[in-house]
Amino acid sequence: MVQSRDAILGFVDSRGTTTIRSISDSWSPRPLEIQILLTVPETLPSNHLLVYKASGTSRVPVDTKYKYIVLENWILDFRVASSPSSSFSSDSKGSSGGTALPTV
């Protein structure tokens, strides 16, 4: 039996196959937030200006009093599947026979 903070149990059957099951299927990790930031230089030369230009629009000056500007914001929310076989195809099995995690 394997115990951790997440209350995971491991069972070995008569064939030597290990089954890992979570005690609480309602547990899921917190969302992961990823931000892509632009670092604004502390000072710009007098003949330089930081601007924003969306496609098809004119340039808009950016206030340089901020140190960072968020360019992109991503929130990844992971869900625990009730049955590993229902959420992964058979070709996602690892070499050990367990279910491999998907990649983004």
N, C-alpha and C. Protein backbone atom coordinates (compact mmCIF):
# COMPACT_ATOMS: atom_id res chain seq x y z
N MET A 1 0.85 -1.18 0.00
CA MET A 1 0.00 0.00 0.00
C MET A 1 0.89 1.24 0.00
N VAL A 2 0.56 2.20 -0.86
CA VAL A 2 1.29 3.45 -0.96
C VAL A 2 0.39 4.57 -0.46
N GLN A 3 0.88 5.37 0.44
CA GLN A 3 0.09 6.50 0.93
C GLN A 3 0.86 7.78 0.70
N SER A 4 0.12 8.81 0.35
CA SER A 4 0.72 10.13 0.18
C SER A 4 -0.28 11.16 0.67
N ARG A 5 0.09 12.42 0.51
CA ARG A 5 -0.78 13.52 0.90
C ARG A 5 -2.11 13.44 0.14
N ASP A 6 -2.10 12.87 -1.06
CA ASP A 6 -3.29 12.81 -1.89
C ASP A 6 -4.11 11.55 -1.66
N ALA A 7 -3.75 10.76 -0.68
CA ALA A 7 -4.48 9.54 -0.31
C ALA A 7 -4.65 8.61 -1.51
N ILE A 8 -3.55 8.09 -2.02
CA ILE A 8 -3.58 7.16 -3.15
C ILE A 8 -3.25 5.77 -2.61
N LEU A 9 -4.01 4.77 -3.06
CA LEU A 9 -3.78 3.40 -2.64
C LEU A 9 -3.29 2.57 -3.82
N GLY A 10 -2.36 1.64 -3.56
CA GLY A 10 -1.90 0.73 -4.60
C GLY A 10 -2.20 -0.70 -4.19
N PHE A 11 -2.73 -1.49 -5.10
CA PHE A 11 -3.07 -2.88 -4.83
C PHE A 11 -2.35 -3.77 -5.83
N VAL A 12 -1.85 -4.91 -5.38
CA VAL A 12 -1.21 -5.89 -6.26
C VAL A 12 -2.07 -7.14 -6.25
N ASP A 13 -2.54 -7.56 -7.45
CA ASP A 13 -3.38 -8.75 -7.52
C ASP A 13 -2.52 -10.01 -7.65
N SER A 14 -3.16 -11.18 -7.80
CA SER A 14 -2.44 -12.46 -7.84
C SER A 14 -1.52 -12.59 -9.06
N ARG A 15 -1.78 -11.83 -10.13
CA ARG A 15 -0.93 -11.87 -11.32
C ARG A 15 0.26 -10.92 -11.19
N GLY A 16 0.32 -10.16 -10.11
CA GLY A 16 1.41 -9.21 -9.92
C GLY A 16 1.14 -7.86 -10.56
N THR A 17 -0.10 -7.64 -11.02
CA THR A 17 -0.48 -6.37 -11.64
C THR A 17 -0.82 -5.36 -10.55
N THR A 18 -0.27 -4.17 -10.66
CA THR A 18 -0.53 -3.13 -9.68
C THR A 18 -1.64 -2.22 -10.18
N THR A 19 -2.63 -1.97 -9.34
CA THR A 19 -3.71 -1.05 -9.65
C THR A 19 -3.60 0.11 -8.68
N ILE A 20 -3.60 1.31 -9.20
CA ILE A 20 -3.52 2.49 -8.34
C ILE A 20 -4.85 3.23 -8.43
N ARG A 21 -5.41 3.52 -7.27
CA ARG A 21 -6.70 4.16 -7.19
C ARG A 21 -6.66 5.28 -6.17
N SER A 22 -7.33 6.37 -6.45
CA SER A 22 -7.42 7.47 -5.51
C SER A 22 -8.60 7.24 -4.58
N ILE A 23 -8.42 7.54 -3.31
CA ILE A 23 -9.53 7.41 -2.36
C ILE A 23 -10.61 8.42 -2.68
N SER A 24 -10.21 9.62 -3.04
CA SER A 24 -11.17 10.67 -3.34
C SER A 24 -11.09 11.02 -4.81
N ASP A 25 -12.13 10.67 -5.57
CA ASP A 25 -12.16 11.01 -6.99
C ASP A 25 -12.52 12.48 -7.20
N SER A 26 -12.95 13.16 -6.14
CA SER A 26 -13.34 14.56 -6.29
C SER A 26 -12.15 15.50 -6.23
N TRP A 27 -10.96 15.01 -5.83
CA TRP A 27 -9.78 15.86 -5.75
C TRP A 27 -9.26 16.16 -7.14
N SER A 28 -8.92 17.41 -7.38
CA SER A 28 -8.25 17.78 -8.63
C SER A 28 -7.29 18.92 -8.31
N PRO A 29 -6.21 19.02 -9.06
CA PRO A 29 -5.23 20.07 -8.79
C PRO A 29 -5.81 21.45 -9.08
N ARG A 30 -5.24 22.44 -8.42
CA ARG A 30 -5.68 23.82 -8.65
C ARG A 30 -5.30 24.24 -10.06
N PRO A 31 -6.04 25.20 -10.65
CA PRO A 31 -5.69 25.68 -11.99
C PRO A 31 -4.30 26.30 -12.00
N LEU A 32 -3.61 26.14 -13.11
CA LEU A 32 -2.28 26.70 -13.30
C LEU A 32 -2.41 27.91 -14.21
N GLU A 33 -1.93 29.06 -13.75
CA GLU A 33 -1.99 30.28 -14.55
C GLU A 33 -0.61 30.59 -15.10
N ILE A 34 -0.55 30.80 -16.41
CA ILE A 34 0.70 31.14 -17.08
C ILE A 34 0.51 32.50 -17.74
N GLN A 35 1.45 33.41 -17.47
CA GLN A 35 1.39 34.75 -18.07
C GLN A 35 2.65 34.99 -18.90
N ILE A 36 2.46 35.54 -20.09
CA ILE A 36 3.55 35.96 -20.94
C ILE A 36 3.68 37.47 -20.74
N LEU A 37 4.83 37.90 -20.21
CA LEU A 37 5.02 39.30 -19.85
C LEU A 37 6.06 39.97 -20.74
N LEU A 38 5.83 41.25 -21.00
CA LEU A 38 6.82 42.11 -21.65
C LEU A 38 7.44 42.95 -20.55
N THR A 39 8.75 42.90 -20.41
CA THR A 39 9.45 43.72 -19.43
C THR A 39 9.75 45.07 -20.07
N VAL A 40 9.24 46.13 -19.45
CA VAL A 40 9.44 47.48 -19.96
C VAL A 40 10.75 48.02 -19.41
N PRO A 41 11.64 48.53 -20.27
CA PRO A 41 12.89 49.10 -19.76
C PRO A 41 12.60 50.29 -18.84
N GLU A 42 13.48 50.49 -17.85
CA GLU A 42 13.27 51.61 -16.92
C GLU A 42 13.31 52.94 -17.63
N THR A 43 14.20 53.08 -18.57
CA THR A 43 14.26 54.33 -19.34
C THR A 43 14.41 53.99 -20.82
N LEU A 44 13.74 54.76 -21.64
CA LEU A 44 13.87 54.63 -23.08
C LEU A 44 14.64 55.83 -23.60
N PRO A 45 15.42 55.65 -24.64
CA PRO A 45 16.09 56.82 -25.24
C PRO A 45 15.05 57.85 -25.68
N SER A 46 15.44 59.10 -25.72
CA SER A 46 14.48 60.18 -26.00
C SER A 46 13.80 60.03 -27.36
N ASN A 47 14.43 59.36 -28.30
CA ASN A 47 13.82 59.23 -29.62
C ASN A 47 13.09 57.89 -29.80
N HIS A 48 12.82 57.15 -28.69
CA HIS A 48 12.10 55.88 -28.75
C HIS A 48 10.77 55.98 -28.01
N LEU A 49 9.79 55.23 -28.50
CA LEU A 49 8.47 55.22 -27.90
C LEU A 49 7.94 53.78 -27.97
N LEU A 50 7.38 53.29 -26.86
CA LEU A 50 6.79 51.96 -26.84
C LEU A 50 5.34 52.10 -27.28
N VAL A 51 4.95 51.35 -28.33
CA VAL A 51 3.59 51.45 -28.86
C VAL A 51 2.98 50.07 -29.01
N TYR A 52 1.65 50.05 -29.03
CA TYR A 52 0.88 48.83 -29.29
C TYR A 52 0.20 49.01 -30.63
N LYS A 53 0.28 47.99 -31.48
CA LYS A 53 -0.37 48.07 -32.79
C LYS A 53 -1.03 46.74 -33.10
N ALA A 54 -2.36 46.71 -32.99
CA ALA A 54 -3.11 45.52 -33.40
C ALA A 54 -3.19 45.53 -34.92
N SER A 55 -3.39 44.38 -35.52
CA SER A 55 -3.41 44.33 -36.99
C SER A 55 -4.57 45.17 -37.52
N GLY A 56 -4.25 45.99 -38.50
CA GLY A 56 -5.26 46.83 -39.14
C GLY A 56 -5.62 48.09 -38.38
N THR A 57 -4.87 48.42 -37.32
CA THR A 57 -5.17 49.64 -36.55
C THR A 57 -3.93 50.52 -36.49
N SER A 58 -4.14 51.73 -36.00
CA SER A 58 -3.00 52.63 -35.85
C SER A 58 -2.27 52.34 -34.53
N ARG A 59 -1.08 52.89 -34.39
CA ARG A 59 -0.26 52.67 -33.19
C ARG A 59 -0.83 53.45 -32.01
N VAL A 60 -0.79 52.81 -30.84
CA VAL A 60 -1.26 53.43 -29.60
C VAL A 60 -0.09 53.46 -28.63
N PRO A 61 0.28 54.64 -28.09
CA PRO A 61 1.39 54.70 -27.14
C PRO A 61 1.08 53.91 -25.86
N VAL A 62 2.10 53.24 -25.32
CA VAL A 62 1.96 52.46 -24.08
C VAL A 62 2.63 53.24 -22.96
N ASP A 63 1.90 53.37 -21.84
CA ASP A 63 2.45 54.07 -20.68
C ASP A 63 3.60 53.25 -20.10
N THR A 64 4.78 53.83 -20.04
CA THR A 64 5.97 53.09 -19.57
C THR A 64 6.19 53.19 -18.06
N LYS A 65 5.20 53.68 -17.32
CA LYS A 65 5.36 53.71 -15.87
C LYS A 65 5.22 52.31 -15.27
N TYR A 66 4.64 51.36 -16.04
CA TYR A 66 4.51 49.99 -15.57
C TYR A 66 5.77 49.21 -15.92
N LYS A 67 6.18 48.32 -15.02
CA LYS A 67 7.40 47.54 -15.25
C LYS A 67 7.14 46.33 -16.16
N TYR A 68 5.93 45.75 -16.06
CA TYR A 68 5.56 44.59 -16.87
C TYR A 68 4.22 44.83 -17.54
N ILE A 69 4.08 44.28 -18.74
CA ILE A 69 2.81 44.33 -19.46
C ILE A 69 2.44 42.90 -19.82
N VAL A 70 1.22 42.49 -19.47
CA VAL A 70 0.76 41.13 -19.77
C VAL A 70 0.39 41.05 -21.24
N LEU A 71 1.10 40.18 -21.97
CA LEU A 71 0.81 39.98 -23.39
C LEU A 71 -0.20 38.85 -23.60
N GLU A 72 -0.06 37.79 -22.84
CA GLU A 72 -0.98 36.65 -22.91
C GLU A 72 -1.20 36.10 -21.51
N ASN A 73 -2.38 35.55 -21.30
CA ASN A 73 -2.72 34.94 -20.02
C ASN A 73 -3.40 33.61 -20.31
N TRP A 74 -2.87 32.53 -19.75
CA TRP A 74 -3.42 31.20 -19.95
C TRP A 74 -3.76 30.60 -18.60
N ILE A 75 -4.93 29.97 -18.50
CA ILE A 75 -5.30 29.24 -17.28
C ILE A 75 -5.56 27.80 -17.69
N LEU A 76 -4.77 26.89 -17.13
CA LEU A 76 -4.92 25.46 -17.41
C LEU A 76 -5.62 24.82 -16.24
N ASP A 77 -6.75 24.19 -16.52
CA ASP A 77 -7.56 23.56 -15.49
C ASP A 77 -7.55 22.06 -15.74
N PHE A 78 -6.93 21.30 -14.84
CA PHE A 78 -6.82 19.85 -14.99
C PHE A 78 -7.97 19.18 -14.26
N ARG A 79 -8.56 18.20 -14.89
CA ARG A 79 -9.66 17.44 -14.28
C ARG A 79 -9.22 15.99 -14.14
N VAL A 80 -9.59 15.39 -13.03
CA VAL A 80 -9.29 13.98 -12.81
C VAL A 80 -10.42 13.17 -13.41
N ALA A 81 -10.09 12.26 -14.31
CA ALA A 81 -11.09 11.41 -14.96
C ALA A 81 -11.54 10.32 -14.00
N SER A 82 -12.81 9.95 -14.07
CA SER A 82 -13.31 8.90 -13.18
C SER A 82 -12.73 7.54 -13.55
N SER A 83 -12.42 7.35 -14.83
CA SER A 83 -11.82 6.10 -15.29
C SER A 83 -10.70 6.43 -16.26
N PRO A 84 -9.46 6.06 -15.96
CA PRO A 84 -8.35 6.39 -16.86
C PRO A 84 -8.56 5.89 -18.27
N SER A 85 -9.21 4.74 -18.44
CA SER A 85 -9.40 4.20 -19.79
C SER A 85 -10.41 5.00 -20.59
N SER A 86 -11.30 5.75 -19.93
CA SER A 86 -12.31 6.51 -20.67
C SER A 86 -11.77 7.80 -21.24
N SER A 87 -10.65 8.31 -20.72
CA SER A 87 -10.16 9.59 -21.19
C SER A 87 -8.92 9.49 -22.06
N PHE A 88 -8.30 8.33 -22.15
CA PHE A 88 -7.08 8.16 -22.93
C PHE A 88 -7.27 7.01 -23.91
N SER A 89 -6.66 7.14 -25.07
CA SER A 89 -6.72 6.05 -26.03
C SER A 89 -5.71 4.98 -25.64
N SER A 90 -5.85 3.81 -26.24
CA SER A 90 -4.96 2.70 -25.88
C SER A 90 -3.52 2.95 -26.27
N ASP A 91 -3.28 3.85 -27.25
CA ASP A 91 -1.90 4.12 -27.65
C ASP A 91 -1.20 5.08 -26.70
N SER A 92 -1.90 5.59 -25.68
CA SER A 92 -1.25 6.49 -24.72
C SER A 92 -0.69 5.72 -23.52
N LYS A 93 -0.74 4.41 -23.57
CA LYS A 93 -0.20 3.60 -22.47
C LYS A 93 1.31 3.68 -22.47
N GLY A 94 1.89 3.84 -21.29
CA GLY A 94 3.34 3.87 -21.18
C GLY A 94 3.92 2.47 -21.30
N SER A 95 5.23 2.38 -21.32
CA SER A 95 5.88 1.07 -21.47
C SER A 95 5.64 0.19 -20.25
N SER A 96 5.33 0.80 -19.11
CA SER A 96 5.08 0.01 -17.90
C SER A 96 3.65 -0.49 -17.84
N GLY A 97 2.82 -0.11 -18.82
CA GLY A 97 1.44 -0.55 -18.83
C GLY A 97 0.50 0.43 -18.18
N GLY A 98 1.02 1.46 -17.50
CA GLY A 98 0.17 2.47 -16.88
C GLY A 98 -0.28 3.49 -17.90
N THR A 99 -1.19 4.33 -17.51
CA THR A 99 -1.68 5.35 -18.41
C THR A 99 -0.75 6.54 -18.39
N ALA A 100 -0.33 6.99 -19.56
CA ALA A 100 0.56 8.15 -19.66
C ALA A 100 -0.27 9.42 -19.63
N LEU A 101 0.29 10.48 -19.07
CA LEU A 101 -0.40 11.76 -19.04
C LEU A 101 -0.36 12.41 -20.41
N PRO A 102 -1.43 13.13 -20.80
CA PRO A 102 -1.42 13.81 -22.09
C PRO A 102 -0.50 15.02 -22.03
N THR A 103 0.00 15.43 -23.18
CA THR A 103 0.83 16.62 -23.26
C THR A 103 0.08 17.70 -24.01
N VAL A 104 0.42 18.95 -23.71
CA VAL A 104 -0.24 20.08 -24.36
C VAL A 104 0.66 20.61 -25.44
